[in-house]
């Protein structure tokens, strides 16, 4: 991912409108690119400040809030990967089960003389 692409994803990331597959690439880039991380910090600081302006609650350590947000996004990505693997495993097992049932039914039909 290039810096230009990452910078275009900053606002969708902050507004939680970034797709999971895009978020993974974005976070990997931002965590390894100092200039993009700085850009994300600036946008996050402004957004966080505006959202918390009327509230008297929340942390005032905005950098910590950013890293908590990044950590929760990384955890979300891990959960998505685990669910994807689980879905593939269940699909494979279901397909194998259907094939076994079909083969057993063919055997029953063969033994009863239908075939």
N, C-alpha and C. Protein backbone atom coordinates (compact mmCIF):
# COMPACT_ATOMS: atom_id res chain seq x y z
N UNK A 1 0.85 -1.17 0.00
CA UNK A 1 0.00 0.00 0.00
C UNK A 1 0.89 1.24 0.00
N UNK A 2 0.52 2.21 -0.76
CA UNK A 2 1.29 3.44 -0.83
C UNK A 2 0.79 4.42 0.22
N UNK A 3 1.60 5.43 0.48
CA UNK A 3 1.21 6.46 1.45
C UNK A 3 -0.03 7.21 0.97
N UNK A 4 -0.12 7.44 -0.33
CA UNK A 4 -1.28 8.15 -0.88
C UNK A 4 -2.57 7.37 -0.63
N UNK A 5 -2.52 6.06 -0.84
CA UNK A 5 -3.70 5.21 -0.58
C UNK A 5 -4.05 5.21 0.90
N UNK A 6 -3.02 5.13 1.75
CA UNK A 6 -3.26 5.12 3.20
C UNK A 6 -3.86 6.43 3.67
N UNK A 7 -3.38 7.53 3.14
CA UNK A 7 -3.91 8.83 3.55
C UNK A 7 -5.38 8.97 3.14
N UNK A 8 -5.76 8.34 2.04
CA UNK A 8 -7.15 8.37 1.62
C UNK A 8 -8.06 7.52 2.50
N UNK A 9 -7.48 6.63 3.27
CA UNK A 9 -8.26 5.75 4.14
C UNK A 9 -8.33 6.25 5.58
N UNK A 10 -7.68 7.33 5.89
CA UNK A 10 -7.65 7.81 7.27
C UNK A 10 -9.04 8.18 7.77
N UNK A 11 -9.75 9.01 7.02
CA UNK A 11 -11.09 9.43 7.48
C UNK A 11 -12.07 8.27 7.53
N UNK A 12 -12.12 7.38 6.52
CA UNK A 12 -13.01 6.23 6.67
C UNK A 12 -12.64 5.36 7.88
N UNK A 13 -11.35 5.24 8.18
CA UNK A 13 -10.94 4.46 9.36
C UNK A 13 -11.44 5.12 10.64
N UNK A 14 -11.25 6.42 10.76
CA UNK A 14 -11.68 7.13 11.97
C UNK A 14 -13.19 7.05 12.13
N UNK A 15 -13.92 7.12 11.01
CA UNK A 15 -15.39 7.07 11.06
C UNK A 15 -15.93 5.65 11.06
N UNK A 16 -15.03 4.66 11.16
CA UNK A 16 -15.39 3.23 11.22
C UNK A 16 -16.19 2.79 9.99
N UNK A 17 -15.75 3.26 8.83
CA UNK A 17 -16.41 2.90 7.57
C UNK A 17 -15.46 2.20 6.61
N UNK A 18 -14.36 1.72 7.14
CA UNK A 18 -13.35 1.05 6.33
C UNK A 18 -13.64 -0.45 6.35
N UNK A 19 -13.59 -1.07 5.18
CA UNK A 19 -13.83 -2.51 5.09
C UNK A 19 -12.71 -3.25 5.80
N UNK A 20 -13.03 -4.45 6.29
CA UNK A 20 -12.07 -5.24 7.05
C UNK A 20 -10.80 -5.53 6.26
N UNK A 21 -10.95 -5.91 4.98
CA UNK A 21 -9.77 -6.23 4.19
C UNK A 21 -8.91 -4.99 3.91
N UNK A 22 -9.55 -3.83 3.78
CA UNK A 22 -8.79 -2.60 3.60
C UNK A 22 -8.15 -2.16 4.92
N UNK A 23 -8.85 -2.40 6.03
CA UNK A 23 -8.35 -1.98 7.34
C UNK A 23 -7.04 -2.69 7.69
N UNK A 24 -6.96 -3.96 7.34
CA UNK A 24 -5.75 -4.71 7.65
C UNK A 24 -4.54 -4.11 6.94
N UNK A 25 -4.67 -3.85 5.65
CA UNK A 25 -3.57 -3.24 4.90
C UNK A 25 -3.25 -1.84 5.39
N UNK A 26 -4.30 -1.09 5.72
CA UNK A 26 -4.12 0.27 6.21
C UNK A 26 -3.34 0.27 7.52
N UNK A 27 -3.76 -0.58 8.46
CA UNK A 27 -3.08 -0.61 9.76
C UNK A 27 -1.65 -1.10 9.65
N UNK A 28 -1.43 -2.10 8.80
CA UNK A 28 -0.05 -2.57 8.59
C UNK A 28 0.83 -1.46 8.03
N UNK A 29 0.28 -0.68 7.13
CA UNK A 29 1.07 0.42 6.56
C UNK A 29 1.31 1.52 7.59
N UNK A 30 0.25 1.90 8.29
CA UNK A 30 0.36 3.01 9.24
C UNK A 30 1.31 2.68 10.39
N UNK A 31 1.29 1.43 10.82
CA UNK A 31 2.16 1.04 11.93
C UNK A 31 3.63 1.01 11.54
N UNK A 32 3.91 0.96 10.24
CA UNK A 32 5.30 0.92 9.78
C UNK A 32 5.73 2.19 9.06
N UNK A 33 4.83 3.13 8.84
CA UNK A 33 5.16 4.38 8.14
C UNK A 33 4.96 5.55 9.09
N UNK A 34 6.05 6.20 9.40
CA UNK A 34 6.00 7.28 10.39
C UNK A 34 5.18 8.47 9.93
N UNK A 35 5.29 8.84 8.66
CA UNK A 35 4.55 10.01 8.16
C UNK A 35 3.05 9.74 8.13
N UNK A 36 2.66 8.54 7.76
CA UNK A 36 1.23 8.21 7.74
C UNK A 36 0.67 8.12 9.16
N UNK A 37 1.47 7.61 10.09
CA UNK A 37 1.03 7.56 11.49
C UNK A 37 0.84 8.97 12.03
N UNK A 38 1.74 9.87 11.66
CA UNK A 38 1.61 11.26 12.10
C UNK A 38 0.35 11.88 11.52
N UNK A 39 0.07 11.58 10.26
CA UNK A 39 -1.15 12.10 9.61
C UNK A 39 -2.40 11.54 10.30
N UNK A 40 -2.38 10.26 10.63
CA UNK A 40 -3.49 9.65 11.34
C UNK A 40 -3.67 10.29 12.72
N UNK A 41 -2.58 10.55 13.41
CA UNK A 41 -2.66 11.19 14.74
C UNK A 41 -3.31 12.56 14.64
N UNK A 42 -2.95 13.31 13.60
CA UNK A 42 -3.52 14.66 13.44
C UNK A 42 -5.03 14.58 13.22
N UNK A 43 -5.44 13.75 12.27
CA UNK A 43 -6.87 13.62 11.98
C UNK A 43 -7.62 13.07 13.19
N UNK A 44 -7.04 12.08 13.86
CA UNK A 44 -7.69 11.48 15.02
C UNK A 44 -7.81 12.50 16.14
N UNK A 45 -6.79 13.30 16.35
CA UNK A 45 -6.82 14.33 17.40
C UNK A 45 -7.94 15.32 17.15
N UNK A 46 -8.07 15.77 15.92
CA UNK A 46 -9.13 16.74 15.59
C UNK A 46 -10.50 16.09 15.78
N UNK A 47 -10.67 14.90 15.24
CA UNK A 47 -11.96 14.22 15.35
C UNK A 47 -12.30 13.91 16.80
N UNK A 48 -11.34 13.39 17.53
CA UNK A 48 -11.56 13.04 18.93
C UNK A 48 -11.88 14.29 19.75
N UNK A 49 -11.16 15.37 19.48
CA UNK A 49 -11.41 16.62 20.19
C UNK A 49 -12.79 17.16 19.94
N UNK A 50 -13.24 17.11 18.68
CA UNK A 50 -14.56 17.61 18.33
C UNK A 50 -15.65 16.74 18.97
N UNK A 51 -15.46 15.43 18.93
CA UNK A 51 -16.48 14.53 19.50
C UNK A 51 -16.56 14.67 21.02
N UNK A 52 -15.45 14.94 21.67
CA UNK A 52 -15.42 15.02 23.13
C UNK A 52 -15.60 16.45 23.65
N UNK A 53 -15.79 17.40 22.74
CA UNK A 53 -15.90 18.80 23.14
C UNK A 53 -17.10 19.01 24.07
N UNK A 54 -18.23 18.42 23.73
CA UNK A 54 -19.42 18.59 24.55
C UNK A 54 -19.46 17.65 25.73
N UNK A 55 -18.72 16.56 25.64
CA UNK A 55 -18.70 15.59 26.74
C UNK A 55 -17.63 16.01 27.75
N UNK A 56 -17.92 15.78 29.00
CA UNK A 56 -16.91 16.02 30.02
C UNK A 56 -16.29 14.71 30.46
N UNK A 57 -16.50 13.67 29.67
CA UNK A 57 -15.96 12.38 30.03
C UNK A 57 -14.96 11.95 28.98
N UNK A 58 -14.31 10.88 29.25
CA UNK A 58 -13.33 10.37 28.30
C UNK A 58 -11.94 10.78 28.71
N UNK A 59 -11.00 10.18 28.04
CA UNK A 59 -9.61 10.46 28.36
C UNK A 59 -9.13 11.69 27.60
N UNK A 60 -8.19 12.37 28.16
CA UNK A 60 -7.59 13.49 27.46
C UNK A 60 -6.23 13.10 26.91
N UNK A 61 -5.86 11.85 27.06
CA UNK A 61 -4.66 11.34 26.45
C UNK A 61 -5.05 10.80 25.08
N UNK A 62 -5.02 11.67 24.10
CA UNK A 62 -5.54 11.34 22.78
C UNK A 62 -4.68 10.30 22.09
N UNK A 63 -3.37 10.37 22.29
CA UNK A 63 -2.49 9.38 21.66
C UNK A 63 -2.79 7.98 22.19
N UNK A 64 -3.04 7.87 23.49
CA UNK A 64 -3.41 6.58 24.07
C UNK A 64 -4.75 6.10 23.51
N UNK A 65 -5.70 7.03 23.33
CA UNK A 65 -7.00 6.67 22.75
C UNK A 65 -6.82 6.17 21.32
N UNK A 66 -5.90 6.78 20.57
CA UNK A 66 -5.63 6.34 19.20
C UNK A 66 -5.08 4.92 19.20
N UNK A 67 -4.12 4.65 20.06
CA UNK A 67 -3.54 3.31 20.10
C UNK A 67 -4.53 2.27 20.63
N UNK A 68 -5.43 2.66 21.51
CA UNK A 68 -6.49 1.74 21.93
C UNK A 68 -7.42 1.43 20.77
N UNK A 69 -7.70 2.46 19.97
CA UNK A 69 -8.53 2.28 18.78
C UNK A 69 -7.84 1.33 17.79
N UNK A 70 -6.55 1.52 17.57
CA UNK A 70 -5.78 0.65 16.67
C UNK A 70 -5.76 -0.77 17.20
N UNK A 71 -5.54 -0.93 18.51
CA UNK A 71 -5.53 -2.27 19.12
C UNK A 71 -6.87 -2.97 18.96
N UNK A 72 -7.96 -2.24 19.18
CA UNK A 72 -9.28 -2.86 19.02
C UNK A 72 -9.54 -3.21 17.56
N UNK A 73 -9.03 -2.41 16.63
CA UNK A 73 -9.17 -2.74 15.21
C UNK A 73 -8.38 -3.98 14.86
N UNK A 74 -7.18 -4.11 15.40
CA UNK A 74 -6.37 -5.31 15.16
C UNK A 74 -7.03 -6.55 15.74
N UNK A 75 -7.63 -6.41 16.92
CA UNK A 75 -8.36 -7.53 17.51
C UNK A 75 -9.55 -7.93 16.64
N UNK A 76 -10.23 -6.94 16.10
CA UNK A 76 -11.36 -7.20 15.21
C UNK A 76 -10.89 -7.97 13.97
N UNK A 77 -9.77 -7.57 13.42
CA UNK A 77 -9.22 -8.25 12.24
C UNK A 77 -8.87 -9.70 12.58
N UNK A 78 -8.29 -9.93 13.76
CA UNK A 78 -7.98 -11.30 14.18
C UNK A 78 -9.25 -12.14 14.27
N UNK A 79 -10.31 -11.56 14.84
CA UNK A 79 -11.57 -12.28 14.96
C UNK A 79 -12.15 -12.60 13.59
N UNK A 80 -12.04 -11.66 12.66
CA UNK A 80 -12.53 -11.90 11.30
C UNK A 80 -11.75 -13.03 10.65
N UNK A 81 -10.43 -13.08 10.85
CA UNK A 81 -9.62 -14.17 10.30
C UNK A 81 -10.02 -15.51 10.90
N UNK A 82 -10.24 -15.53 12.21
CA UNK A 82 -10.64 -16.78 12.88
C UNK A 82 -12.00 -17.24 12.37
N UNK A 83 -12.94 -16.31 12.22
CA UNK A 83 -14.26 -16.68 11.72
C UNK A 83 -14.20 -17.14 10.27
N UNK A 84 -13.32 -16.55 9.48
CA UNK A 84 -13.16 -16.98 8.09
C UNK A 84 -12.63 -18.40 8.02
N UNK A 85 -11.61 -18.70 8.83
CA UNK A 85 -11.07 -20.06 8.86
C UNK A 85 -12.14 -21.04 9.35
N UNK A 86 -12.89 -20.66 10.37
CA UNK A 86 -13.97 -21.50 10.88
C UNK A 86 -15.01 -21.77 9.80
N UNK A 87 -15.35 -20.73 9.03
CA UNK A 87 -16.32 -20.89 7.95
C UNK A 87 -15.81 -21.86 6.90
N UNK A 88 -14.51 -21.75 6.54
CA UNK A 88 -13.94 -22.68 5.55
C UNK A 88 -13.93 -24.11 6.08
N UNK A 89 -13.60 -24.27 7.35
CA UNK A 89 -13.58 -25.61 7.95
C UNK A 89 -14.99 -26.20 7.94
N UNK A 90 -15.98 -25.42 8.36
CA UNK A 90 -17.35 -25.92 8.41
C UNK A 90 -17.87 -26.22 7.00
N UNK A 91 -17.54 -25.40 6.04
CA UNK A 91 -17.97 -25.66 4.66
C UNK A 91 -17.35 -26.95 4.14
N UNK A 92 -16.06 -27.14 4.42
CA UNK A 92 -15.38 -28.36 3.99
C UNK A 92 -15.99 -29.60 4.65
N UNK A 93 -16.20 -29.53 5.96
CA UNK A 93 -16.79 -30.67 6.67
C UNK A 93 -18.22 -30.96 6.18
N UNK A 94 -18.99 -29.93 5.93
CA UNK A 94 -20.35 -30.12 5.43
C UNK A 94 -20.34 -30.77 4.05
N UNK A 95 -19.45 -30.31 3.19
CA UNK A 95 -19.34 -30.89 1.86
C UNK A 95 -18.92 -32.35 1.93
N UNK A 96 -17.94 -32.64 2.77
CA UNK A 96 -17.50 -34.02 2.94
C UNK A 96 -18.64 -34.89 3.49
N UNK A 97 -19.41 -34.36 4.43
CA UNK A 97 -20.54 -35.09 4.98
C UNK A 97 -21.58 -35.40 3.91
N UNK A 98 -21.89 -34.44 3.07
CA UNK A 98 -22.86 -34.65 2.00
C UNK A 98 -22.36 -35.71 1.03
N UNK A 99 -21.08 -35.66 0.69
CA UNK A 99 -20.51 -36.66 -0.22
C UNK A 99 -20.58 -38.05 0.40
N UNK A 100 -20.26 -38.18 1.67
CA UNK A 100 -20.31 -39.49 2.36
C UNK A 100 -21.75 -40.01 2.40
N UNK A 101 -22.69 -39.13 2.72
CA UNK A 101 -24.10 -39.54 2.75
C UNK A 101 -24.55 -40.01 1.37
N UNK A 102 -24.15 -39.27 0.34
CA UNK A 102 -24.52 -39.65 -1.03
C UNK A 102 -23.92 -41.00 -1.41
N UNK A 103 -22.65 -41.22 -1.05
CA UNK A 103 -22.01 -42.50 -1.36
C UNK A 103 -22.67 -43.66 -0.60
N UNK A 104 -23.03 -43.43 0.65
CA UNK A 104 -23.74 -44.46 1.41
C UNK A 104 -25.11 -44.76 0.81
N UNK A 105 -25.79 -43.73 0.36
CA UNK A 105 -27.09 -43.93 -0.28
C UNK A 105 -26.93 -44.71 -1.58
N UNK A 106 -25.89 -44.41 -2.34
CA UNK A 106 -25.63 -45.18 -3.56
C UNK A 106 -25.38 -46.66 -3.23
N UNK A 107 -24.66 -46.91 -2.16
CA UNK A 107 -24.40 -48.27 -1.73
C UNK A 107 -25.69 -48.99 -1.37
N UNK A 108 -26.57 -48.30 -0.64
CA UNK A 108 -27.87 -48.89 -0.28
C UNK A 108 -28.67 -49.20 -1.54
N UNK A 109 -28.70 -48.27 -2.47
CA UNK A 109 -29.43 -48.49 -3.71
C UNK A 109 -28.82 -49.66 -4.49
N UNK A 110 -27.51 -49.77 -4.49
CA UNK A 110 -26.82 -50.86 -5.19
C UNK A 110 -27.18 -52.21 -4.58
N UNK A 111 -27.21 -52.25 -3.24
CA UNK A 111 -27.52 -53.50 -2.54
C UNK A 111 -28.97 -53.92 -2.71
N UNK A 112 -29.86 -52.95 -2.84
CA UNK A 112 -31.28 -53.29 -3.01
C UNK A 112 -31.64 -53.54 -4.45
N UNK A 113 -30.71 -53.34 -5.37
CA UNK A 113 -30.93 -53.64 -6.78
C UNK A 113 -31.57 -52.52 -7.58
N UNK A 114 -31.62 -51.34 -7.01
CA UNK A 114 -32.17 -50.21 -7.78
C UNK A 114 -31.23 -49.85 -8.93
N UNK A 115 -29.92 -50.02 -8.73
CA UNK A 115 -28.94 -49.78 -9.80
C UNK A 115 -28.52 -51.06 -10.39
